[in-house]
Amino acid sequence: MDASTVPGILDQAHRRTTAGLLMLVTFIAFEAMAVGTAMPTAVAELDGLAWYGWPFSAFLVASVVGMVVGGDAGDRRGPRVALPWGVAAFAAGLLVAGLAGGMAVFVAGRALQGLGAGVMVVLLYVIAGQAYDSSLRPRLFGAISAAWVLPALVGPVLAGLVTTHASWRLVFLGLLPLIVLGALLVLSAGRSLTAPDSPPPPARGRRWWAVLAGLGIAALQYAGQRLDLPAVPVAVVGAAALVAGLRPLLPRGTARVARGLPAVVASRGLLAGAFFGMDALIPLLLTSVHGYSPTAAGLPLTAGAVGWALASQLQGRFARVPRERLLRLGFVLLAVGLAATVLAAVPALGGWPAYLTWAVAGLGMGFGMPSVGVLLLEQSPEHRRGADSAALQIADVTLSALSIGLAGVLVAAATQGLLGLPAAVAASIAVCTALALLGARLAGRAAAPPRAAVPGAGTTLAAS
């Protein structure tokens, strides 16, 4: 397709597909952001306080499996066939959770949601590769990033109002018709969404590796929530399961950030791990150390979301700048924002620096995340876009979970008096900043290597 004939992602040829994709992303993100607000009320009503962490873990484990299932289905049968299955699983999960009469059923509903969300998120990349010319992808990923961020601004507040004045069940049931509408828009406009001419053979074994990796993540999260001797073997087993599960799911060379596609996947993990590891701690820091109200403590997250959305739009205008340079810029801004946030951990300063520093970190994510998506589609062959997109999402989930888990260990140590909370936050900032600096140092490797050097690029899966 000649780029000069394509005015934008909202022209007549792409309008419905773009609207449908953005709707799906927005509602998946809303559910992820809003469910935490409704969860305490839901658990209390279902008399399941002892199960409080299970709905989150069930969603996480199932989403990793869904990513692999979605990638395989997209590569073999095409997104037009695979997307309805993901939407159906997510919608079924919303229905089951919204109507649950007991905690076990509620957890099952969350697992279905995770499975469907994993399938849909991966297929978004497959659809972007098929339905949009390469010149449009920076703007498309900018819009997708903004659609992820918007629910962070309104999701928790809206969910809180619905839960308080109506019912927590509407947080789940209310999205049902909107999710279906988004899928119908994509499918009605995407007649060109077809399966590859030479689809790869089914890789059912990858699903079991995904289950193993998901269980490993859940075990590490559980161990991070407790700071006692029984947590040690749980953490060891979880780490072993995670490493074993990831090896067949990620491009070979991901762990050492090998040039090309492995570096792209690793960059996504480094971005997510650096940002979300600290994003989860800022409200706790401001409320516990500085005495902020919950609303005031959440405002830095809003500032970060605004910075993310702004940079997502700006990066789409730099079509002539190599993507790896924009990725490096994103990592640098993220590192600056993270490092400067340590000022908010100083009791004498009152916490106000977080309002500025987290906006800078958000700018970094806005430049970095869309660039990773563009680089992935540039380097992933069509018959492997599903599997490679799944690897990208799995790296995101894994590093985010590990980083947040480490922050949880540090906070737990602070609650037991082993160190002060400001020191625990500063240590977490140091780790996250190191991840961002590592990403900045290695961002150049995300550029596509010379073709002669990678005859099998994207065809071998095994982390090394």
Protein backbone atom coordinates (compact mmCIF):
# COMPACT_ATOMS: atom_id res chain seq x y z
CA MET A 1 0.00 0.00 0.00
CA ASP A 2 1.38 3.43 -0.97
CA ALA A 3 1.70 5.53 2.18
CA SER A 4 0.77 8.66 0.25
CA THR A 5 -2.70 7.28 -0.39
CA VAL A 6 -3.36 6.62 3.31
CA PRO A 7 -4.17 9.88 5.13
CA GLY A 8 -4.52 8.40 8.60
CA ILE A 9 -5.79 5.72 10.92
CA LEU A 10 -9.26 7.30 10.92
CA ASP A 11 -9.74 7.53 7.16
CA GLN A 12 -12.60 5.69 5.50
CA ALA A 13 -10.57 2.53 4.98
CA HIS A 14 -9.51 2.21 8.62
CA ARG A 15 -12.11 4.09 10.66
CA ARG A 16 -14.14 1.15 11.92
CA THR A 17 -11.15 -1.09 12.50
CA THR A 18 -9.38 1.64 14.47
CA ALA A 19 -12.50 2.43 16.51
CA GLY A 20 -13.03 -1.24 17.29
CA LEU A 21 -9.41 -1.81 18.31
CA LEU A 22 -9.38 1.23 20.56
CA MET A 23 -12.66 0.20 22.16
CA LEU A 24 -11.32 -3.27 22.94
CA VAL A 25 -8.09 -1.87 24.38
CA THR A 26 -9.93 0.72 26.47
CA PHE A 27 -12.31 -1.76 28.02
CA ILE A 28 -9.63 -4.38 28.71
CA ALA A 29 -7.55 -1.68 30.37
CA PHE A 30 -10.57 -0.34 32.27
CA GLU A 31 -11.24 -3.77 33.70
CA ALA A 32 -7.60 -4.10 34.74
CA MET A 33 -7.58 -0.65 36.39
CA ALA A 34 -11.05 -0.71 37.90
CA VAL A 35 -11.23 -4.18 39.37
CA GLY A 36 -8.91 -3.29 42.24
CA THR A 37 -11.36 -0.63 43.38
CA ALA A 38 -14.32 -3.01 43.36
CA MET A 39 -12.46 -6.04 44.73
CA PRO A 40 -12.69 -5.30 48.49
CA THR A 41 -16.47 -4.90 48.27
CA ALA A 42 -16.87 -7.98 46.07
CA VAL A 43 -14.76 -10.17 48.34
CA ALA A 44 -16.59 -8.98 51.44
CA GLU A 45 -20.00 -9.70 49.92
CA LEU A 46 -18.89 -13.14 48.75
CA ASP A 47 -17.38 -13.89 52.18
CA GLY A 48 -14.00 -14.64 50.65
CA LEU A 49 -11.46 -12.44 52.42
CA ALA A 50 -9.09 -15.40 52.79
CA TRP A 51 -9.14 -15.72 48.98
CA TYR A 52 -8.42 -12.04 48.36
CA GLY A 53 -5.32 -12.57 46.22
CA TRP A 54 -6.77 -15.39 44.14
CA PRO A 55 -8.80 -13.30 41.66
CA PHE A 56 -5.67 -11.35 40.75
CA SER A 57 -3.46 -14.45 40.46
CA ALA A 58 -6.08 -16.34 38.45
CA PHE A 59 -6.31 -13.48 35.96
CA LEU A 60 -2.53 -13.25 35.67
CA VAL A 61 -1.87 -16.96 35.12
CA ALA A 62 -4.73 -17.30 32.64
CA SER A 63 -3.64 -14.20 30.71
CA VAL A 64 -0.19 -15.72 30.08
CA VAL A 65 -1.88 -18.84 28.71
CA GLY A 66 -4.24 -16.67 26.65
CA MET A 67 -1.31 -14.83 25.09
CA VAL A 68 0.19 -18.08 23.82
CA VAL A 69 -3.18 -19.44 22.67
CA GLY A 70 -3.98 -16.17 20.90
CA GLY A 71 -0.61 -16.03 19.21
CA ASP A 72 -0.84 -19.60 17.93
CA ALA A 73 -4.45 -19.17 16.78
CA GLY A 74 -3.67 -15.88 15.05
CA ASP A 75 -0.72 -17.38 13.17
CA ARG A 76 -2.55 -20.52 12.09
CA ARG A 77 -6.14 -19.35 11.49
CA GLY A 78 -5.89 -15.56 11.30
CA PRO A 79 -7.32 -12.90 13.63
CA ARG A 80 -10.74 -12.94 11.99
CA VAL A 81 -11.28 -16.48 13.30
CA ALA A 82 -9.31 -16.16 16.54
CA LEU A 83 -10.63 -12.81 17.81
CA PRO A 84 -14.23 -13.97 18.46
CA TRP A 85 -12.90 -16.74 20.71
CA GLY A 86 -10.96 -14.24 22.80
CA VAL A 87 -13.93 -11.90 23.03
CA ALA A 88 -16.20 -14.81 23.97
CA ALA A 89 -13.88 -15.91 26.79
CA PHE A 90 -13.54 -12.37 28.15
CA ALA A 91 -17.29 -11.76 27.94
CA ALA A 92 -18.02 -15.09 29.61
CA GLY A 93 -15.62 -14.14 32.40
CA LEU A 94 -17.39 -10.82 32.90
CA LEU A 95 -20.73 -12.61 33.07
CA VAL A 96 -19.54 -15.31 35.48
CA ALA A 97 -17.79 -12.83 37.79
CA GLY A 98 -20.69 -10.39 37.71
CA LEU A 99 -23.24 -13.07 38.63
CA ALA A 100 -21.04 -15.06 41.03
CA GLY A 101 -22.69 -16.22 44.22
CA GLY A 102 -19.51 -17.55 45.79
CA MET A 103 -15.80 -16.87 45.75
CA ALA A 104 -14.83 -19.99 43.80
CA VAL A 105 -17.13 -18.99 40.93
CA PHE A 106 -15.81 -15.43 41.07
CA VAL A 107 -12.22 -16.66 40.77
CA ALA A 108 -13.23 -18.84 37.80
CA GLY A 109 -14.76 -15.77 36.15
CA ARG A 110 -11.54 -13.82 36.64
CA ALA A 111 -9.58 -16.68 35.06
CA LEU A 112 -11.85 -16.59 32.00
CA GLN A 113 -11.33 -12.84 31.77
CA GLY A 114 -7.58 -13.31 31.88
CA LEU A 115 -7.68 -15.96 29.18
CA GLY A 116 -9.76 -13.76 26.87
CA ALA A 117 -7.71 -10.63 27.59
CA GLY A 118 -4.48 -12.47 26.76
CA VAL A 119 -5.89 -13.67 23.44
CA MET A 120 -7.22 -10.23 22.46
CA VAL A 121 -4.12 -8.24 23.41
CA VAL A 122 -1.89 -10.43 21.23
CA LEU A 123 -4.30 -10.33 18.28
CA LEU A 124 -4.22 -6.53 18.33
CA TYR A 125 -0.65 -6.74 17.05
CA VAL A 126 -1.55 -9.29 14.40
CA ILE A 127 -4.39 -7.05 13.18
CA ALA A 128 -2.09 -4.01 13.21
CA GLY A 129 0.36 -5.90 11.00
CA GLN A 130 -2.28 -6.97 8.49
CA ALA A 131 -4.67 -4.02 8.31
CA TYR A 132 -2.28 -1.04 8.54
CA ASP A 133 0.56 0.10 6.34
CA SER A 134 3.91 0.49 8.09
CA SER A 135 3.66 4.28 7.77
CA LEU A 136 0.50 4.24 9.89
CA ARG A 137 1.69 1.96 12.67
CA PRO A 138 3.45 4.64 14.78
CA ARG A 139 0.20 6.63 14.94
CA LEU A 140 -1.85 3.49 15.58
CA PHE A 141 0.37 2.38 18.46
CA GLY A 142 0.30 5.91 19.81
CA ALA A 143 -3.50 5.76 19.87
CA ILE A 144 -3.42 2.28 21.44
CA SER A 145 -1.05 3.51 24.15
CA ALA A 146 -3.37 6.42 24.87
CA ALA A 147 -6.29 3.99 25.05
CA TRP A 148 -4.41 2.00 27.68
CA VAL A 149 -3.71 5.16 29.67
CA LEU A 150 -7.17 6.74 29.62
CA PRO A 151 -8.71 4.13 31.95
CA ALA A 152 -5.99 4.96 34.49
CA LEU A 153 -7.46 8.45 34.69
CA VAL A 154 -11.12 7.56 35.12
CA GLY A 155 -11.31 3.81 35.76
CA PRO A 156 -10.75 3.67 39.53
CA VAL A 157 -12.96 6.70 40.19
CA LEU A 158 -15.78 5.43 37.99
CA ALA A 159 -15.56 1.94 39.46
CA GLY A 160 -15.66 3.42 42.95
CA LEU A 161 -18.78 5.43 42.17
CA VAL A 162 -20.52 2.43 40.59
CA THR A 163 -19.58 0.18 43.50
CA THR A 164 -20.69 2.73 46.10
CA HIS A 165 -23.94 3.91 44.54
CA ALA A 166 -25.05 0.83 42.57
CA SER A 167 -23.27 -2.55 42.75
CA TRP A 168 -19.78 -3.93 42.26
CA ARG A 169 -21.34 -6.41 39.85
CA LEU A 170 -21.92 -3.63 37.31
CA VAL A 171 -18.15 -3.11 37.06
CA PHE A 172 -18.16 -6.48 35.28
CA LEU A 173 -21.60 -6.74 33.69
CA GLY A 174 -21.62 -3.18 32.38
CA LEU A 175 -18.76 -3.87 29.96
CA LEU A 176 -20.42 -6.84 28.24
CA PRO A 177 -22.24 -5.00 25.42
CA LEU A 178 -19.33 -2.61 24.86
CA ILE A 179 -16.78 -5.41 24.43
CA VAL A 180 -19.03 -7.15 21.90
CA LEU A 181 -19.55 -3.87 20.01
CA GLY A 182 -15.81 -3.30 19.72
CA ALA A 183 -15.27 -6.80 18.34
CA LEU A 184 -18.07 -6.38 15.80
CA LEU A 185 -16.54 -3.13 14.54
CA VAL A 186 -13.15 -4.79 13.99
CA LEU A 187 -14.60 -7.87 12.30
CA SER A 188 -17.06 -5.99 10.09
CA ALA A 189 -14.34 -3.71 8.75
CA GLY A 190 -11.47 -6.19 8.67
CA ARG A 191 -12.35 -8.33 5.67
CA SER A 192 -8.67 -8.42 4.77
CA LEU A 193 -7.81 -10.20 8.03
CA THR A 194 -6.87 -13.63 6.76
CA ALA A 195 -4.78 -16.57 7.85
CA PRO A 196 -1.22 -16.85 6.46
CA ASP A 197 -0.84 -18.80 3.23
CA SER A 198 1.59 -21.19 4.95
CA PRO A 199 0.46 -21.41 8.57
CA PRO A 200 2.85 -23.00 11.09
CA PRO A 201 1.93 -26.35 12.63
CA PRO A 202 0.01 -26.26 15.92
CA ALA A 203 2.23 -25.87 18.97
CA ARG A 204 0.05 -27.22 21.76
CA GLY A 205 3.02 -27.87 24.00
CA ARG A 206 3.59 -24.11 24.27
CA ARG A 207 0.34 -23.77 26.18
CA TRP A 208 1.61 -26.01 28.96
CA TRP A 209 4.84 -24.03 29.13
CA ALA A 210 2.68 -20.92 29.45
CA VAL A 211 0.75 -22.51 32.33
CA LEU A 212 4.06 -23.33 34.02
CA ALA A 213 5.35 -19.77 33.55
CA GLY A 214 2.10 -18.31 34.86
CA LEU A 215 2.17 -20.51 37.93
CA GLY A 216 5.78 -19.50 38.50
CA ILE A 217 4.81 -15.82 38.43
CA ALA A 218 1.93 -16.47 40.83
CA ALA A 219 4.20 -18.38 43.22
CA LEU A 220 6.75 -15.56 43.24
CA GLN A 221 4.01 -13.02 43.90
CA TYR A 222 2.70 -15.12 46.78
CA ALA A 223 6.16 -15.52 48.26
CA GLY A 224 6.72 -11.78 47.95
CA GLN A 225 3.62 -11.07 50.02
CA ARG A 226 5.07 -12.83 53.04
CA LEU A 227 8.44 -12.47 54.65
CA ASP A 228 8.96 -15.75 56.48
CA LEU A 229 10.82 -19.04 56.12
CA PRO A 230 8.03 -20.95 54.26
CA ALA A 231 8.15 -18.29 51.54
CA VAL A 232 11.70 -19.29 50.58
CA PRO A 233 10.94 -22.71 49.03
CA VAL A 234 7.86 -21.24 47.35
CA ALA A 235 10.03 -18.54 45.78
CA VAL A 236 12.66 -21.07 44.67
CA VAL A 237 10.08 -23.35 43.07
CA GLY A 238 8.34 -20.37 41.48
CA ALA A 239 11.59 -19.05 39.99
CA ALA A 240 12.45 -22.46 38.59
CA ALA A 241 8.99 -22.86 37.07
CA LEU A 242 9.16 -19.37 35.56
CA VAL A 243 12.56 -19.90 33.95
CA ALA A 244 11.57 -23.32 32.60
CA GLY A 245 8.28 -22.00 31.25
CA LEU A 246 9.75 -18.93 29.60
CA ARG A 247 12.51 -20.64 27.65
CA PRO A 248 10.24 -22.06 24.91
CA LEU A 249 8.06 -18.92 24.81
CA LEU A 250 10.59 -16.13 24.19
CA PRO A 251 12.89 -15.58 21.20
CA ARG A 252 16.29 -17.13 21.65
CA GLY A 253 18.66 -14.52 23.03
CA THR A 254 16.04 -12.51 24.93
CA ALA A 255 17.81 -12.88 28.28
CA ARG A 256 21.06 -11.54 26.84
CA VAL A 257 19.26 -8.90 24.75
CA ALA A 258 20.56 -10.20 21.43
CA ARG A 259 20.29 -7.83 18.49
CA GLY A 260 16.97 -7.68 16.64
CA LEU A 261 13.74 -9.25 17.78
CA PRO A 262 15.10 -10.60 21.11
CA ALA A 263 16.15 -7.07 22.07
CA VAL A 264 12.71 -5.74 21.13
CA VAL A 265 11.02 -8.26 23.42
CA ALA A 266 13.53 -7.61 26.21
CA SER A 267 12.99 -3.86 25.87
CA ARG A 268 9.27 -4.28 26.44
CA GLY A 269 9.98 -6.18 29.64
CA LEU A 270 12.51 -3.60 30.86
CA LEU A 271 10.10 -0.73 30.21
CA ALA A 272 7.25 -2.43 32.04
CA GLY A 273 9.37 -3.65 34.94
CA ALA A 274 10.99 -0.26 35.53
CA PHE A 275 7.75 1.75 35.37
CA PHE A 276 5.19 -0.47 37.08
CA GLY A 277 7.51 -1.52 39.89
CA MET A 278 7.47 2.06 41.13
CA ASP A 279 3.99 2.99 39.92
CA ALA A 280 2.56 0.58 42.50
CA LEU A 281 4.52 2.19 45.35
CA ILE A 282 3.84 5.90 44.86
CA PRO A 283 0.38 6.02 46.51
CA LEU A 284 1.68 4.00 49.48
CA LEU A 285 4.65 6.33 49.84
CA LEU A 286 2.53 9.47 49.82
CA THR A 287 -0.13 8.16 52.19
CA SER A 288 2.13 6.40 54.69
CA VAL A 289 5.12 8.75 54.79
CA HIS A 290 3.54 12.12 54.02
CA GLY A 291 -0.05 11.62 55.19
CA TYR A 292 -1.71 12.39 51.83
CA SER A 293 -5.34 11.50 51.26
CA PRO A 294 -6.01 8.62 48.83
CA THR A 295 -7.15 11.11 46.19
CA ALA A 296 -4.06 13.31 46.53
CA ALA A 297 -1.80 10.24 46.58
CA GLY A 298 -3.25 9.07 43.28
CA LEU A 299 -2.64 12.33 41.43
CA PRO A 300 0.99 11.54 40.51
CA LEU A 301 -0.32 8.43 38.72
CA THR A 302 -2.67 10.70 36.80
CA ALA A 303 0.27 12.95 35.91
CA GLY A 304 2.17 9.90 34.67
CA ALA A 305 -0.83 8.83 32.59
CA VAL A 306 -1.09 12.29 31.03
CA GLY A 307 2.62 12.30 30.19
CA TRP A 308 2.28 8.83 28.68
CA ALA A 309 -0.67 9.85 26.51
CA LEU A 310 1.06 13.07 25.37
CA ALA A 311 4.29 11.37 24.35
CA SER A 312 2.33 8.58 22.63
CA GLN A 313 0.83 11.17 20.33
CA LEU A 314 4.12 13.03 19.79
CA GLN A 315 6.08 9.95 18.76
CA GLY A 316 3.70 9.33 15.86
CA ARG A 317 4.90 12.59 14.30
CA PHE A 318 8.54 11.49 14.16
CA ALA A 319 8.16 9.06 11.28
CA ARG A 320 11.68 9.71 9.97
CA VAL A 321 13.45 9.15 13.29
CA PRO A 322 14.74 5.59 13.70
CA ARG A 323 12.54 3.76 16.16
CA GLU A 324 15.44 2.54 18.26
CA ARG A 325 16.40 6.18 18.93
CA LEU A 326 12.89 6.98 20.14
CA LEU A 327 13.06 3.86 22.27
CA ARG A 328 16.34 5.06 23.81
CA LEU A 329 14.78 8.48 24.44
CA GLY A 330 11.92 6.75 26.23
CA PHE A 331 14.30 4.81 28.46
CA VAL A 332 16.32 7.94 29.28
CA LEU A 333 13.23 9.93 30.25
CA LEU A 334 11.97 6.99 32.31
CA ALA A 335 15.33 6.73 34.13
CA VAL A 336 15.34 10.47 34.85
CA GLY A 337 11.77 10.38 36.16
CA LEU A 338 12.50 7.35 38.32
CA ALA A 339 15.75 8.66 39.77
CA ALA A 340 14.21 12.03 40.59
CA THR A 341 11.27 10.35 42.35
CA VAL A 342 13.63 9.49 45.19
CA LEU A 343 13.11 13.10 46.29
CA ALA A 344 9.53 12.19 47.16
CA ALA A 345 10.85 9.62 49.63
CA VAL A 346 12.57 12.35 51.67
CA PRO A 347 10.21 13.11 54.57
CA ALA A 348 11.34 16.74 54.80
CA LEU A 349 10.32 17.52 51.20
CA GLY A 350 6.67 16.62 51.66
CA GLY A 351 6.25 14.29 48.68
CA TRP A 352 5.40 16.97 46.14
CA PRO A 353 8.26 16.11 43.70
CA ALA A 354 6.33 12.97 42.68
CA TYR A 355 3.78 15.13 40.88
CA LEU A 356 6.49 16.32 38.50
CA THR A 357 8.84 13.37 38.32
CA TRP A 358 6.17 10.82 37.51
CA ALA A 359 4.97 12.93 34.59
CA VAL A 360 8.53 12.67 33.19
CA ALA A 361 8.46 8.90 33.68
CA GLY A 362 5.14 8.82 31.84
CA LEU A 363 6.70 10.71 28.93
CA GLY A 364 9.32 7.98 28.73
CA MET A 365 6.70 5.26 28.52
CA GLY A 366 4.83 7.20 25.86
CA PHE A 367 7.91 7.26 23.63
CA GLY A 368 9.08 3.76 24.47
CA MET A 369 6.00 1.53 24.35
CA PRO A 370 4.73 2.47 20.84
CA SER A 371 8.29 2.23 19.49
CA VAL A 372 8.55 -1.35 20.73
CA GLY A 373 5.30 -2.24 18.94
CA VAL A 374 6.48 -0.72 15.66
CA LEU A 375 9.84 -2.48 15.89
CA LEU A 376 8.16 -5.81 16.55
CA LEU A 377 5.99 -5.63 13.42
CA GLU A 378 8.95 -4.49 11.32
CA GLN A 379 10.99 -7.55 12.29
CA SER A 380 8.44 -10.29 12.82
CA PRO A 381 7.46 -12.28 9.69
CA GLU A 382 3.73 -12.49 9.05
CA HIS A 383 3.48 -16.19 9.85
CA ARG A 384 5.00 -15.59 13.31
CA ARG A 385 3.46 -12.28 14.35
CA GLY A 386 1.10 -13.97 16.77
CA ALA A 387 3.82 -15.92 18.58
CA ASP A 388 6.20 -12.95 18.64
CA SER A 389 3.45 -10.62 19.90
CA ALA A 390 2.70 -13.15 22.62
CA ALA A 391 6.39 -13.11 23.61
CA LEU A 392 6.24 -9.32 23.83
CA GLN A 393 3.24 -9.42 26.18
CA ILE A 394 4.70 -12.23 28.27
CA ALA A 395 7.91 -10.22 28.80
CA ASP A 396 5.77 -7.27 29.91
CA VAL A 397 3.76 -9.32 32.41
CA THR A 398 6.80 -11.19 33.75
CA LEU A 399 9.05 -8.20 34.45
CA SER A 400 6.13 -6.18 35.84
CA ALA A 401 5.21 -8.98 38.23
CA LEU A 402 8.82 -9.51 39.34
CA SER A 403 9.42 -5.81 39.88
CA ILE A 404 6.19 -5.34 41.82
CA GLY A 405 6.97 -8.48 43.79
CA LEU A 406 10.38 -7.09 44.78
CA ALA A 407 8.71 -3.86 45.87
CA GLY A 408 6.33 -5.95 47.97
CA VAL A 409 9.25 -7.71 49.67
CA LEU A 410 10.86 -4.38 50.52
CA VAL A 411 7.61 -2.98 51.89
CA ALA A 412 7.05 -6.14 53.94
CA ALA A 413 10.54 -5.70 55.38
CA ALA A 414 9.66 -2.13 56.28
CA THR A 415 6.45 -3.18 58.04
CA GLN A 416 8.47 -5.60 60.17
CA GLY A 417 10.90 -2.90 61.16
CA LEU A 418 13.87 -4.22 59.23
CA LEU A 419 14.21 -0.86 57.44
CA GLY A 420 12.22 2.35 57.11
CA LEU A 421 9.59 2.75 54.42
CA PRO A 422 11.47 5.65 52.76
CA ALA A 423 14.54 3.41 52.55
CA ALA A 424 12.45 0.58 51.09
CA VAL A 425 11.06 2.94 48.45
CA ALA A 426 14.52 4.28 47.67
CA ALA A 427 15.82 0.74 47.17
CA SER A 428 12.95 -0.04 44.82
CA ILE A 429 13.64 3.18 42.90
CA ALA A 430 17.29 2.18 42.56
CA VAL A 431 16.38 -1.20 41.05
CA CYS A 432 13.82 0.29 38.66
CA THR A 433 16.21 3.04 37.59
CA ALA A 434 18.88 0.43 36.90
CA LEU A 435 16.43 -1.42 34.63
CA ALA A 436 15.69 1.79 32.72
CA LEU A 437 19.38 2.64 32.35
CA LEU A 438 20.08 -0.88 31.11
CA GLY A 439 17.33 -0.41 28.54
CA ALA A 440 18.84 2.90 27.41
CA ARG A 441 22.24 1.29 27.09
CA LEU A 442 20.92 -1.59 24.98
CA ALA A 443 18.16 0.15 23.00
CA GLY A 444 20.30 0.28 19.86
CA ARG A 445 20.18 -3.51 19.68
CA ALA A 446 16.43 -3.32 18.97
CA ALA A 447 17.16 -2.17 15.41
CA ALA A 448 16.73 -4.82 12.76
CA PRO A 449 20.10 -6.53 12.07
CA PRO A 450 21.34 -7.01 8.52
CA ARG A 451 19.17 -9.65 6.83
CA ALA A 452 22.15 -11.79 5.96
CA ALA A 453 22.93 -12.11 9.65
CA VAL A 454 19.52 -13.39 10.68
CA PRO A 455 18.26 -15.91 8.13
CA GLY A 456 16.07 -17.53 10.80
CA ALA A 457 14.93 -14.39 12.59
CA GLY A 458 11.72 -14.96 14.44
CA THR A 459 11.64 -18.67 13.78
CA THR A 460 13.32 -20.09 16.89
CA LEU A 461 11.82 -19.86 20.34
CA ALA A 462 13.93 -20.44 23.41
CA ALA A 463 15.19 -17.86 25.84
CA SER A 464 18.90 -18.01 26.43
